[in-house]
Structure formats: C-alpha cells, structure tokens
Amino acid sequence: MLLFLILTSCVAPNATRKSLLGEWQLAETLIDIGDGNGTWNEAAEKTSVSFFDDGKLWSDDPFFSMGTLFELKKDSLIIKSSDTTMRYFFQKIAADSFVIRPNCVEACGYKYGKLKD
C-alpha cells in the first residue's frame, strides 16, 4: 500500500504538466473592484501562451511575457526568466481549459482555452 501511494504521488505532477503542454488562448477574465461582485467576462484581447515539453514557454500575453521558462509545483504555475520568478495559483486545470489566479487583493482570474496540441 505504501509503495502504491509513493508511486501515484509521483505520477500526478507529470500528468498535470502534460495536460498543460500546447497552445492556449485567453478566453475570459475576472476582475472585481473589491465589492465581491466581480464576474467573468469575455477577454477583450485574445492573447495566447504555449507551453513546451522542455519547460520553455512563448507568449504574446503580457501576463506571461516576463518569463521564458515554466514549472509546476503542487497548485502553482511558476514563470521564470533570468531575473524574475512569478507564482500563479491554479484554480482549475482541465483538458480544454485552465484558470489561474494571481495574487490580487480583490478577486481576479484568467481563463485560457486550449487551441491545439
């Protein structure tokens, strides 16, 4: 039983990482001015981000543009460059979408839809 738990705990991060690989487009944004009434709205700009198997990323989205590398740690997406590291929390990862939440005082979030593998 212990061996099963050790093996399955090692597999999950790779499966999540594999599900993130590919090209994604910003679909919706959540912005709340602090009154708790924030709603998801269609993204004004359809920027994209691509995650590659070698840990690199490419994006025309300002949200990701400060980094060229990514890694996953538990519930977080880590974006890195030579002098910057940003951490975003995953709210959801599915086969066709993912939602990340930056560290905002008020509610905020970004939902991306999968474009292609």
N, C-alpha and C. Protein backbone atom coordinates (compact mmCIF):
# COMPACT_ATOMS: atom_id res chain seq x y z
N MET A 1 0.82 -1.19 0.00
CA MET A 1 0.00 0.00 0.00
C MET A 1 0.88 1.26 0.00
N LEU A 2 1.89 1.27 0.81
CA LEU A 2 2.78 2.43 0.87
C LEU A 2 3.45 2.66 -0.47
N LEU A 3 3.90 1.60 -1.12
CA LEU A 3 4.53 1.73 -2.43
C LEU A 3 3.55 2.34 -3.44
N PHE A 4 2.29 1.92 -3.41
CA PHE A 4 1.27 2.48 -4.30
C PHE A 4 1.12 3.98 -4.08
N LEU A 5 1.05 4.41 -2.84
CA LEU A 5 0.92 5.84 -2.53
C LEU A 5 2.13 6.63 -3.01
N ILE A 6 3.30 6.09 -2.85
CA ILE A 6 4.51 6.78 -3.30
C ILE A 6 4.51 6.91 -4.83
N LEU A 7 4.17 5.83 -5.52
CA LEU A 7 4.18 5.85 -6.99
C LEU A 7 3.12 6.79 -7.54
N THR A 8 1.91 6.76 -6.98
CA THR A 8 0.85 7.63 -7.52
C THR A 8 1.11 9.08 -7.19
N SER A 9 1.75 9.37 -6.09
CA SER A 9 2.04 10.76 -5.77
C SER A 9 3.11 11.32 -6.71
N CYS A 10 3.95 10.47 -7.25
CA CYS A 10 4.99 10.92 -8.19
C CYS A 10 4.43 11.10 -9.59
N VAL A 11 3.36 10.40 -9.94
CA VAL A 11 2.82 10.46 -11.29
C VAL A 11 1.97 11.71 -11.51
N ALA A 12 1.24 12.14 -10.52
CA ALA A 12 0.29 13.24 -10.68
C ALA A 12 0.90 14.52 -11.24
N PRO A 13 2.05 15.02 -10.74
CA PRO A 13 2.59 16.26 -11.29
C PRO A 13 2.92 16.16 -12.78
N ASN A 14 3.42 15.01 -13.24
CA ASN A 14 3.73 14.85 -14.66
C ASN A 14 2.47 14.85 -15.50
N ALA A 15 1.41 14.21 -15.02
CA ALA A 15 0.15 14.19 -15.76
C ALA A 15 -0.40 15.61 -15.88
N THR A 16 -0.33 16.39 -14.82
CA THR A 16 -0.79 17.77 -14.86
C THR A 16 0.07 18.59 -15.81
N ARG A 17 1.37 18.38 -15.75
CA ARG A 17 2.28 19.10 -16.64
C ARG A 17 1.98 18.77 -18.08
N LYS A 18 1.77 17.48 -18.38
CA LYS A 18 1.45 17.07 -19.75
C LYS A 18 0.15 17.70 -20.23
N SER A 19 -0.83 17.82 -19.34
CA SER A 19 -2.11 18.41 -19.75
C SER A 19 -1.97 19.89 -20.04
N LEU A 20 -0.94 20.54 -19.53
CA LEU A 20 -0.72 21.96 -19.76
C LEU A 20 0.02 22.23 -21.08
N LEU A 21 0.72 21.23 -21.60
CA LEU A 21 1.50 21.44 -22.83
C LEU A 21 0.59 21.77 -24.00
N GLY A 22 1.07 22.65 -24.87
CA GLY A 22 0.32 23.04 -26.05
C GLY A 22 0.05 24.53 -26.08
N GLU A 23 -0.85 24.95 -26.98
CA GLU A 23 -1.15 26.36 -27.17
C GLU A 23 -2.52 26.69 -26.57
N TRP A 24 -2.56 27.79 -25.84
CA TRP A 24 -3.75 28.23 -25.13
C TRP A 24 -4.06 29.68 -25.47
N GLN A 25 -5.35 30.02 -25.46
CA GLN A 25 -5.76 31.39 -25.73
C GLN A 25 -6.59 31.93 -24.57
N LEU A 26 -6.32 33.18 -24.21
CA LEU A 26 -7.09 33.83 -23.15
C LEU A 26 -8.54 33.94 -23.60
N ALA A 27 -9.46 33.39 -22.80
CA ALA A 27 -10.87 33.39 -23.15
C ALA A 27 -11.69 34.36 -22.28
N GLU A 28 -11.42 34.35 -20.97
CA GLU A 28 -12.21 35.16 -20.04
C GLU A 28 -11.32 35.74 -18.95
N THR A 29 -11.76 36.86 -18.40
CA THR A 29 -11.06 37.47 -17.28
C THR A 29 -12.07 37.77 -16.17
N LEU A 30 -11.59 37.71 -14.94
CA LEU A 30 -12.39 38.05 -13.77
C LEU A 30 -11.71 39.21 -13.07
N ILE A 31 -12.44 40.29 -12.93
CA ILE A 31 -11.91 41.45 -12.22
C ILE A 31 -12.99 41.94 -11.27
N ASP A 32 -12.60 42.17 -10.04
CA ASP A 32 -13.51 42.65 -9.01
C ASP A 32 -12.90 43.90 -8.39
N ILE A 33 -13.67 44.95 -8.27
CA ILE A 33 -13.15 46.19 -7.69
C ILE A 33 -13.08 46.14 -6.17
N GLY A 34 -13.43 45.00 -5.59
CA GLY A 34 -13.34 44.84 -4.15
C GLY A 34 -14.67 44.76 -3.44
N ASP A 35 -15.76 44.81 -4.20
CA ASP A 35 -17.08 44.74 -3.57
C ASP A 35 -17.69 43.34 -3.61
N GLY A 36 -16.94 42.35 -4.14
CA GLY A 36 -17.43 40.98 -4.20
C GLY A 36 -18.37 40.70 -5.36
N ASN A 37 -18.54 41.65 -6.27
CA ASN A 37 -19.47 41.47 -7.40
C ASN A 37 -18.77 41.23 -8.72
N GLY A 38 -17.53 40.79 -8.68
CA GLY A 38 -16.79 40.54 -9.91
C GLY A 38 -17.42 39.40 -10.71
N THR A 39 -17.38 39.51 -12.03
CA THR A 39 -17.92 38.47 -12.90
C THR A 39 -16.91 38.13 -13.99
N TRP A 40 -17.03 36.92 -14.52
CA TRP A 40 -16.20 36.52 -15.65
C TRP A 40 -16.74 37.18 -16.91
N ASN A 41 -15.84 37.78 -17.69
CA ASN A 41 -16.21 38.43 -18.95
C ASN A 41 -15.30 37.95 -20.06
N GLU A 42 -15.82 37.97 -21.28
CA GLU A 42 -15.00 37.59 -22.44
C GLU A 42 -13.79 38.51 -22.51
N ALA A 43 -12.64 37.91 -22.79
CA ALA A 43 -11.39 38.67 -22.87
C ALA A 43 -11.44 39.65 -24.04
N ALA A 44 -11.03 40.88 -23.79
CA ALA A 44 -11.00 41.90 -24.83
C ALA A 44 -9.93 41.59 -25.88
N GLU A 45 -8.81 41.05 -25.43
CA GLU A 45 -7.72 40.68 -26.34
C GLU A 45 -7.51 39.18 -26.25
N LYS A 46 -7.45 38.51 -27.37
CA LYS A 46 -7.28 37.06 -27.43
C LYS A 46 -5.79 36.71 -27.53
N THR A 47 -5.06 37.01 -26.48
CA THR A 47 -3.63 36.68 -26.45
C THR A 47 -3.45 35.18 -26.24
N SER A 48 -2.24 34.69 -26.45
CA SER A 48 -2.01 33.25 -26.32
C SER A 48 -0.70 32.96 -25.59
N VAL A 49 -0.62 31.72 -25.10
CA VAL A 49 0.58 31.22 -24.45
C VAL A 49 0.75 29.77 -24.87
N SER A 50 1.99 29.37 -25.12
CA SER A 50 2.32 27.99 -25.48
C SER A 50 3.32 27.44 -24.47
N PHE A 51 3.03 26.24 -23.97
CA PHE A 51 3.92 25.55 -23.04
C PHE A 51 4.53 24.36 -23.76
N PHE A 52 5.86 24.23 -23.69
CA PHE A 52 6.56 23.17 -24.40
C PHE A 52 7.12 22.13 -23.44
N ASP A 53 7.34 20.94 -23.95
CA ASP A 53 7.79 19.80 -23.15
C ASP A 53 9.14 20.03 -22.48
N ASP A 54 9.97 20.90 -23.05
CA ASP A 54 11.30 21.16 -22.47
C ASP A 54 11.27 22.22 -21.37
N GLY A 55 10.06 22.66 -20.95
CA GLY A 55 9.95 23.63 -19.88
C GLY A 55 9.97 25.07 -20.34
N LYS A 56 10.01 25.30 -21.64
CA LYS A 56 10.00 26.66 -22.17
C LYS A 56 8.57 27.09 -22.46
N LEU A 57 8.38 28.41 -22.53
CA LEU A 57 7.09 28.93 -22.92
C LEU A 57 7.28 30.10 -23.86
N TRP A 58 6.26 30.34 -24.66
CA TRP A 58 6.22 31.51 -25.54
C TRP A 58 4.85 32.14 -25.37
N SER A 59 4.81 33.47 -25.36
CA SER A 59 3.52 34.14 -25.21
C SER A 59 3.54 35.54 -25.77
N ASP A 60 2.39 35.95 -26.31
CA ASP A 60 2.18 37.36 -26.67
C ASP A 60 1.29 38.03 -25.62
N ASP A 61 1.05 37.32 -24.54
CA ASP A 61 0.23 37.80 -23.43
C ASP A 61 1.12 38.51 -22.41
N PRO A 62 0.87 39.77 -22.10
CA PRO A 62 1.72 40.48 -21.12
C PRO A 62 1.78 39.77 -19.77
N PHE A 63 0.76 39.01 -19.45
CA PHE A 63 0.71 38.29 -18.19
C PHE A 63 1.86 37.28 -18.07
N PHE A 64 2.28 36.70 -19.20
CA PHE A 64 3.36 35.70 -19.21
C PHE A 64 4.65 36.22 -19.82
N SER A 65 4.64 37.40 -20.40
CA SER A 65 5.77 37.85 -21.22
C SER A 65 7.07 38.08 -20.46
N MET A 66 7.02 38.16 -19.14
CA MET A 66 8.26 38.39 -18.41
C MET A 66 9.07 37.11 -18.21
N GLY A 67 8.55 35.97 -18.65
CA GLY A 67 9.27 34.72 -18.45
C GLY A 67 9.45 33.92 -19.72
N THR A 68 10.41 33.02 -19.69
CA THR A 68 10.66 32.14 -20.83
C THR A 68 10.64 30.67 -20.43
N LEU A 69 10.53 30.41 -19.12
CA LEU A 69 10.51 29.03 -18.61
C LEU A 69 9.34 28.88 -17.65
N PHE A 70 8.83 27.65 -17.52
CA PHE A 70 7.76 27.40 -16.56
C PHE A 70 8.01 26.09 -15.84
N GLU A 71 7.40 25.96 -14.67
CA GLU A 71 7.36 24.70 -13.95
C GLU A 71 6.11 24.68 -13.10
N LEU A 72 5.68 23.50 -12.74
CA LEU A 72 4.51 23.33 -11.89
C LEU A 72 4.96 22.83 -10.53
N LYS A 73 4.38 23.40 -9.50
CA LYS A 73 4.64 22.95 -8.14
C LYS A 73 3.31 22.90 -7.42
N LYS A 74 2.87 21.70 -7.10
CA LYS A 74 1.59 21.49 -6.42
C LYS A 74 0.48 22.22 -7.14
N ASP A 75 -0.05 23.29 -6.56
CA ASP A 75 -1.17 24.02 -7.14
C ASP A 75 -0.73 25.31 -7.83
N SER A 76 0.55 25.44 -8.18
CA SER A 76 1.07 26.69 -8.71
C SER A 76 1.77 26.53 -10.04
N LEU A 77 1.66 27.57 -10.84
CA LEU A 77 2.41 27.71 -12.08
C LEU A 77 3.50 28.73 -11.81
N ILE A 78 4.74 28.33 -12.00
CA ILE A 78 5.89 29.19 -11.77
C ILE A 78 6.43 29.63 -13.14
N ILE A 79 6.50 30.94 -13.35
CA ILE A 79 7.04 31.50 -14.59
C ILE A 79 8.37 32.15 -14.24
N LYS A 80 9.43 31.79 -15.01
CA LYS A 80 10.77 32.27 -14.69
C LYS A 80 11.45 32.91 -15.89
N SER A 81 12.32 33.84 -15.57
CA SER A 81 13.29 34.36 -16.52
C SER A 81 14.61 34.39 -15.79
N SER A 82 15.64 34.99 -16.38
CA SER A 82 16.94 35.01 -15.71
C SER A 82 16.92 35.83 -14.42
N ASP A 83 16.00 36.79 -14.32
CA ASP A 83 15.99 37.65 -13.12
C ASP A 83 14.63 37.79 -12.43
N THR A 84 13.62 37.05 -12.88
CA THR A 84 12.28 37.17 -12.32
C THR A 84 11.65 35.81 -12.12
N THR A 85 10.91 35.67 -11.03
CA THR A 85 10.10 34.47 -10.81
C THR A 85 8.71 34.92 -10.34
N MET A 86 7.68 34.48 -11.04
CA MET A 86 6.30 34.80 -10.68
C MET A 86 5.56 33.50 -10.37
N ARG A 87 4.69 33.54 -9.37
CA ARG A 87 3.91 32.37 -8.99
C ARG A 87 2.43 32.70 -9.11
N TYR A 88 1.69 31.84 -9.86
CA TYR A 88 0.25 31.97 -10.02
C TYR A 88 -0.40 30.70 -9.52
N PHE A 89 -1.55 30.82 -8.88
CA PHE A 89 -2.24 29.66 -8.34
C PHE A 89 -3.26 29.13 -9.34
N PHE A 90 -3.25 27.81 -9.53
CA PHE A 90 -4.26 27.19 -10.38
C PHE A 90 -5.55 27.06 -9.60
N GLN A 91 -6.62 27.47 -10.21
CA GLN A 91 -7.94 27.20 -9.65
C GLN A 91 -8.46 25.91 -10.27
N LYS A 92 -8.12 25.70 -11.55
CA LYS A 92 -8.63 24.54 -12.27
C LYS A 92 -7.71 24.24 -13.45
N ILE A 93 -7.49 22.95 -13.69
CA ILE A 93 -6.83 22.51 -14.92
C ILE A 93 -7.70 21.40 -15.48
N ALA A 94 -8.13 21.54 -16.72
CA ALA A 94 -8.90 20.51 -17.42
C ALA A 94 -8.24 20.28 -18.77
N ALA A 95 -8.74 19.31 -19.51
CA ALA A 95 -8.15 19.00 -20.81
C ALA A 95 -8.29 20.17 -21.79
N ASP A 96 -9.36 20.95 -21.66
CA ASP A 96 -9.60 22.02 -22.62
C ASP A 96 -9.50 23.43 -22.05
N SER A 97 -9.18 23.57 -20.76
CA SER A 97 -9.08 24.90 -20.18
C SER A 97 -8.27 24.87 -18.88
N PHE A 98 -7.76 26.04 -18.50
CA PHE A 98 -7.19 26.19 -17.17
C PHE A 98 -7.47 27.60 -16.67
N VAL A 99 -7.58 27.73 -15.37
CA VAL A 99 -7.85 29.01 -14.72
C VAL A 99 -6.72 29.27 -13.73
N ILE A 100 -6.13 30.43 -13.82
CA ILE A 100 -5.10 30.81 -12.85
C ILE A 100 -5.53 32.07 -12.13
N ARG A 101 -5.04 32.18 -10.90
CA ARG A 101 -5.34 33.32 -10.05
C ARG A 101 -4.04 33.94 -9.57
N PRO A 102 -3.76 35.17 -10.01
CA PRO A 102 -2.59 35.86 -9.47
C PRO A 102 -2.87 36.27 -8.02
N ASN A 103 -1.87 36.77 -7.37
CA ASN A 103 -2.05 37.27 -6.00
C ASN A 103 -2.65 38.67 -6.06
N CYS A 104 -3.96 38.75 -6.02
CA CYS A 104 -4.67 40.04 -6.03
C CYS A 104 -5.31 40.26 -4.67
N VAL A 105 -5.43 41.50 -4.28
CA VAL A 105 -6.15 41.84 -3.06
C VAL A 105 -7.63 41.53 -3.27
N GLU A 106 -8.16 41.94 -4.41
CA GLU A 106 -9.53 41.65 -4.78
C GLU A 106 -9.56 40.40 -5.66
N ALA A 107 -10.73 39.88 -5.97
CA ALA A 107 -10.83 38.69 -6.82
C ALA A 107 -10.37 39.01 -8.24
N CYS A 108 -9.55 38.13 -8.81
CA CYS A 108 -9.15 38.26 -10.19
C CYS A 108 -8.76 36.88 -10.71
N GLY A 109 -8.87 36.69 -12.00
CA GLY A 109 -8.51 35.41 -12.58
C GLY A 109 -8.47 35.48 -14.09
N TYR A 110 -7.85 34.47 -14.68
CA TYR A 110 -7.70 34.39 -16.12
C TYR A 110 -8.00 32.96 -16.56
N LYS A 111 -8.93 32.82 -17.51
CA LYS A 111 -9.29 31.50 -18.02
C LYS A 111 -8.79 31.38 -19.45
N TYR A 112 -8.05 30.30 -19.72
CA TYR A 112 -7.49 30.04 -21.03
C TYR A 112 -8.14 28.79 -21.62
N GLY A 113 -8.39 28.82 -22.93
CA GLY A 113 -8.92 27.66 -23.64
C GLY A 113 -7.83 27.07 -24.51
N LYS A 114 -7.84 25.74 -24.65
CA LYS A 114 -6.83 25.04 -25.45
C LYS A 114 -7.09 25.26 -26.92
N LEU A 115 -6.04 25.59 -27.67
CA LEU A 115 -6.16 25.78 -29.11
C LEU A 115 -5.77 24.53 -29.87
N LYS A 116 -4.58 23.98 -29.57
CA LYS A 116 -4.13 22.78 -30.25
C LYS A 116 -3.02 22.14 -29.44
N ASP A 117 -2.72 20.89 -29.71
CA ASP A 117 -1.62 20.19 -29.02
C ASP A 117 -0.32 20.43 -29.72
